[in-house]
């Protein structure tokens, strides 16, 4: 299966207030293996970032003013995600911005171009209810190295998300692998019907000790020792 892990950075929290995407990145995984294919762009949002957003990603308007606009990379983005499963952390947030940008370009919403959209934040909340499930917390929980993550960056976060997702779904992979591995067949020589079993007879001392033990059980159970009943039935036959 082809999967695309996508992340964005924005000028603020709400596209309805005119906030825009300033960075977008996506990395490709095919059959749970990174292919090395990636998409990454800084974008000119044609506006300033809010102070809170700037503290998160550190992308100033001075840095972004000579970058492409979202409409310039739309075709490349849609070709990159076409037909794949799109995976994002807190997908409604990224989808809201992407649908807004696509709408400004008079294009269809995001889900018109990809096979499936998966939200890893929802997955994490289902797996770890009541715990922190942001990307840093998941990296720590699944032992994914994020020590180089000082600021949020779309490309780094997309790569970390891919590692976290593979770790979160590793059990599913194991089940699939076990189902695909053919079960070994017994060699004819190992068939239980061909085995020669050695029978060891109990010695006189062992039989006497066994009989004494049964008598103790018979006494303590007030005559309900099953082995004594079986012994009597065998003797009668």
Protein backbone atom coordinates (compact mmCIF):
# COMPACT_ATOMS: atom_id res chain seq x y z
CA UNK A 1 0.00 0.00 0.00
CA UNK A 2 1.19 3.53 -0.82
CA UNK A 3 1.00 5.93 2.11
CA UNK A 4 1.80 9.65 2.26
CA UNK A 5 2.63 11.29 5.61
CA UNK A 6 1.86 15.00 5.42
CA UNK A 7 2.33 18.00 7.70
CA UNK A 8 1.86 21.75 7.41
CA UNK A 9 2.92 24.89 9.27
CA UNK A 10 0.63 27.91 9.20
CA UNK A 11 0.38 31.60 10.07
CA UNK A 12 -2.27 30.89 12.70
CA UNK A 13 -4.94 28.48 13.84
CA UNK A 14 -7.97 29.24 11.67
CA UNK A 15 -8.11 29.49 7.87
CA UNK A 16 -11.51 31.17 8.18
CA UNK A 17 -9.66 34.15 9.67
CA UNK A 18 -7.44 34.37 6.62
CA UNK A 19 -4.54 32.30 7.92
CA UNK A 20 -2.47 30.48 5.33
CA UNK A 21 0.05 27.65 4.96
CA UNK A 22 3.72 28.66 5.20
CA UNK A 23 5.30 25.20 4.87
CA UNK A 24 4.13 21.85 3.57
CA UNK A 25 5.91 18.50 3.44
CA UNK A 26 5.00 14.95 2.56
CA UNK A 27 6.99 11.70 2.59
CA UNK A 28 6.11 8.46 0.82
CA UNK A 29 6.09 4.94 2.24
CA UNK A 30 5.33 1.91 0.12
CA UNK A 31 4.50 -1.41 1.80
CA UNK A 32 5.81 -0.03 5.11
CA UNK A 33 9.18 0.96 3.63
CA UNK A 34 10.32 4.55 2.96
CA UNK A 35 10.86 5.12 -0.75
CA UNK A 36 12.95 8.28 -0.38
CA UNK A 37 10.36 10.30 -2.34
CA UNK A 38 9.30 13.50 -0.64
CA UNK A 39 7.66 16.83 -1.31
CA UNK A 40 8.72 19.95 0.61
CA UNK A 41 8.01 23.65 0.07
CA UNK A 42 8.17 26.87 2.03
CA UNK A 43 5.34 29.13 0.90
CA UNK A 44 4.71 32.86 0.84
CA UNK A 45 1.39 33.34 2.71
CA UNK A 46 1.22 37.01 1.72
CA UNK A 47 0.63 37.96 5.35
CA UNK A 48 2.39 37.94 8.70
CA UNK A 49 2.30 34.98 11.07
CA UNK A 50 0.73 35.45 14.47
CA UNK A 51 3.26 35.63 17.30
CA UNK A 52 2.20 32.26 18.73
CA UNK A 53 2.59 30.54 15.35
CA UNK A 54 5.94 32.23 14.78
CA UNK A 55 7.22 30.87 18.08
CA UNK A 56 6.23 27.37 16.92
CA UNK A 57 7.82 27.30 13.45
CA UNK A 58 10.13 30.34 13.35
CA UNK A 59 9.35 31.15 9.69
CA UNK A 60 9.37 34.93 9.36
CA UNK A 61 7.73 36.92 6.58
CA UNK A 62 11.19 38.14 5.56
CA UNK A 63 12.28 34.54 4.98
CA UNK A 64 9.07 33.62 3.14
CA UNK A 65 8.56 36.68 0.93
CA UNK A 66 10.50 35.30 -2.05
CA UNK A 67 9.04 31.76 -1.81
CA UNK A 68 6.39 30.26 -4.08
CA UNK A 69 2.72 30.70 -3.34
CA UNK A 70 0.48 27.70 -2.62
CA UNK A 71 -1.13 27.92 -6.04
CA UNK A 72 2.30 27.43 -7.62
CA UNK A 73 2.78 23.98 -6.06
CA UNK A 74 -0.82 22.72 -6.24
CA UNK A 75 -0.32 20.48 -9.28
CA UNK A 76 2.82 18.88 -7.81
CA UNK A 77 1.08 18.28 -4.48
CA UNK A 78 -2.01 16.66 -6.00
CA UNK A 79 0.10 14.42 -8.24
CA UNK A 80 2.19 13.36 -5.24
CA UNK A 81 -0.80 12.32 -3.10
CA UNK A 82 -2.95 10.97 -5.91
CA UNK A 83 -4.54 7.63 -5.00
CA UNK A 84 -2.56 7.16 -1.78
CA UNK A 85 -3.64 6.88 1.83
CA UNK A 86 -2.96 10.29 3.36
CA UNK A 87 -1.84 10.20 7.01
CA UNK A 88 -1.70 13.29 9.25
CA UNK A 89 -1.49 14.01 12.97
CA UNK A 90 -4.61 15.97 13.93
CA UNK A 91 -5.86 15.60 10.36
CA UNK A 92 -8.84 18.01 10.70
CA UNK A 93 -6.41 20.89 11.31
CA UNK A 94 -4.27 20.24 8.21
CA UNK A 95 -7.31 19.35 6.11
CA UNK A 96 -9.01 22.61 7.04
CA UNK A 97 -6.06 24.61 5.72
CA UNK A 98 -5.52 22.44 2.65
CA UNK A 99 -9.20 22.54 1.69
CA UNK A 100 -9.12 26.33 2.13
CA UNK A 101 -6.08 26.68 -0.13
CA UNK A 102 -7.58 24.32 -2.71
CA UNK A 103 -10.81 26.29 -2.60
CA UNK A 104 -8.94 29.53 -3.31
CA UNK A 105 -7.48 27.75 -6.35
CA UNK A 106 -11.02 26.67 -7.36
CA UNK A 107 -10.16 22.98 -6.89
CA UNK A 108 -11.96 20.09 -5.18
CA UNK A 109 -11.43 19.28 -1.46
CA UNK A 110 -8.48 17.16 -0.41
CA UNK A 111 -10.38 13.88 -0.05
CA UNK A 112 -11.22 14.00 -3.77
CA UNK A 113 -7.59 13.21 -4.62
CA UNK A 114 -6.56 10.52 -2.11
CA UNK A 115 -7.85 7.03 -1.38
CA UNK A 116 -8.15 7.40 2.39
CA UNK A 117 -7.37 9.96 5.11
CA UNK A 118 -6.08 8.66 8.45
CA UNK A 119 -5.71 10.73 11.63
CA UNK A 120 -2.90 9.40 13.82
CA UNK A 121 -4.01 11.62 16.72
CA UNK A 122 -7.32 9.75 16.84
CA UNK A 123 -5.45 6.46 16.57
CA UNK A 124 -3.20 7.44 19.47
CA UNK A 125 -6.12 8.54 21.64
CA UNK A 126 -7.83 5.19 21.04
CA UNK A 127 -4.63 3.32 21.93
CA UNK A 128 -3.61 5.52 24.89
CA UNK A 129 -6.72 7.16 26.39
CA UNK A 130 -6.06 9.80 29.01
CA UNK A 131 -2.39 10.25 28.04
CA UNK A 132 -0.56 12.94 26.10
CA UNK A 133 -0.66 12.06 22.43
CA UNK A 134 1.11 14.93 20.71
CA UNK A 135 3.98 14.04 18.40
CA UNK A 136 6.69 14.58 21.03
CA UNK A 137 4.87 12.33 23.53
CA UNK A 138 4.44 9.60 20.91
CA UNK A 139 8.11 9.81 19.93
CA UNK A 140 9.05 9.26 23.56
CA UNK A 141 6.52 6.45 24.00
CA UNK A 142 7.66 4.58 20.89
CA UNK A 143 11.37 5.43 21.26
CA UNK A 144 11.57 7.50 18.09
CA UNK A 145 14.52 9.90 18.26
CA UNK A 146 13.27 13.50 18.06
CA UNK A 147 16.21 15.15 19.84
CA UNK A 148 16.85 17.34 16.77
CA UNK A 149 13.32 18.79 16.91
CA UNK A 150 13.78 22.24 18.48
CA UNK A 151 11.13 23.99 16.35
CA UNK A 152 8.21 22.52 14.45
CA UNK A 153 9.08 21.89 10.82
CA UNK A 154 6.78 20.24 8.31
CA UNK A 155 9.40 17.95 6.76
CA UNK A 156 10.89 16.79 10.05
CA UNK A 157 7.44 16.28 11.57
CA UNK A 158 6.25 14.28 8.54
CA UNK A 159 9.31 12.01 8.84
CA UNK A 160 8.82 11.58 12.60
CA UNK A 161 5.14 10.86 12.06
CA UNK A 162 5.99 8.09 9.61
CA UNK A 163 8.32 6.48 12.18
CA UNK A 164 5.70 6.80 14.93
CA UNK A 165 2.96 5.34 12.73
CA UNK A 166 5.09 2.33 11.81
CA UNK A 167 5.81 1.77 15.51
CA UNK A 168 2.13 2.14 16.48
CA UNK A 169 1.03 -0.36 13.86
CA UNK A 170 3.88 -2.85 14.26
CA UNK A 171 1.56 -5.40 15.89
CA UNK A 172 -0.68 -5.34 12.84
CA UNK A 173 2.36 -6.00 10.66
CA UNK A 174 3.29 -8.99 12.80
CA UNK A 175 -0.19 -10.46 12.45
CA UNK A 176 -0.04 -10.08 8.68
CA UNK A 177 3.41 -11.66 8.52
CA UNK A 178 2.32 -14.58 10.68
CA UNK A 179 -0.69 -15.16 8.44
CA UNK A 180 1.52 -15.22 5.35
CA UNK A 181 4.20 -17.58 6.71
CA UNK A 182 3.41 -21.16 5.63
CA UNK A 183 3.08 -23.61 8.51
CA UNK A 184 5.80 -26.29 8.60
CA UNK A 185 4.74 -29.84 7.78
CA UNK A 186 5.78 -32.88 9.80
CA UNK A 187 8.21 -35.23 8.18
CA UNK A 188 6.84 -38.76 7.93
CA UNK A 189 9.55 -39.96 10.31
CA UNK A 190 8.29 -37.47 12.91
CA UNK A 191 4.67 -38.62 12.70
CA UNK A 192 3.34 -39.72 16.11
CA UNK A 193 2.22 -42.97 14.50
CA UNK A 194 5.84 -43.86 13.68
CA UNK A 195 7.33 -43.08 17.08
CA UNK A 196 8.62 -45.97 19.20
CA UNK A 197 7.70 -45.21 22.81
CA UNK A 198 9.53 -46.78 25.74
CA UNK A 199 7.25 -47.86 28.60
CA UNK A 200 8.85 -47.95 32.07
CA UNK A 201 7.17 -50.26 34.60
CA UNK A 202 6.83 -49.06 38.20
CA UNK A 203 8.96 -50.93 40.76
CA UNK A 204 7.47 -52.83 43.74
CA UNK A 205 8.56 -50.04 46.11
CA UNK A 206 6.93 -47.39 43.89
CA UNK A 207 3.69 -49.36 43.71
CA UNK A 208 3.61 -49.76 47.50
CA UNK A 209 4.26 -46.02 48.01
CA UNK A 210 1.53 -45.20 45.50
CA UNK A 211 -0.92 -47.50 47.30
CA UNK A 212 -0.15 -45.89 50.67
CA UNK A 213 -0.71 -42.43 49.18
CA UNK A 214 -4.08 -43.49 47.78
CA UNK A 215 -5.11 -44.86 51.17
CA UNK A 216 -4.32 -41.49 52.76
CA UNK A 217 -6.41 -39.68 50.13
CA UNK A 218 -9.22 -42.22 50.61
CA UNK A 219 -9.20 -41.62 54.36
CA UNK A 220 -9.06 -37.81 54.17
CA UNK A 221 -11.74 -37.62 51.46
CA UNK A 222 -14.02 -40.00 53.39
CA UNK A 223 -14.13 -42.65 50.70
CA UNK A 224 -14.32 -40.42 47.60
CA UNK A 225 -10.86 -41.02 46.11
CA UNK A 226 -11.38 -41.36 42.35
CA UNK A 227 -8.19 -43.34 41.85
CA UNK A 228 -9.42 -45.97 44.32
CA UNK A 229 -12.67 -46.29 42.39
CA UNK A 230 -10.78 -46.72 39.13
CA UNK A 231 -8.44 -49.23 40.74
CA UNK A 232 -11.42 -51.29 41.96
CA UNK A 233 -13.09 -51.21 38.57
CA UNK A 234 -9.91 -52.37 36.87
CA UNK A 235 -9.50 -55.20 39.39
CA UNK A 236 -13.08 -56.42 38.79
CA UNK A 237 -12.51 -56.57 35.05
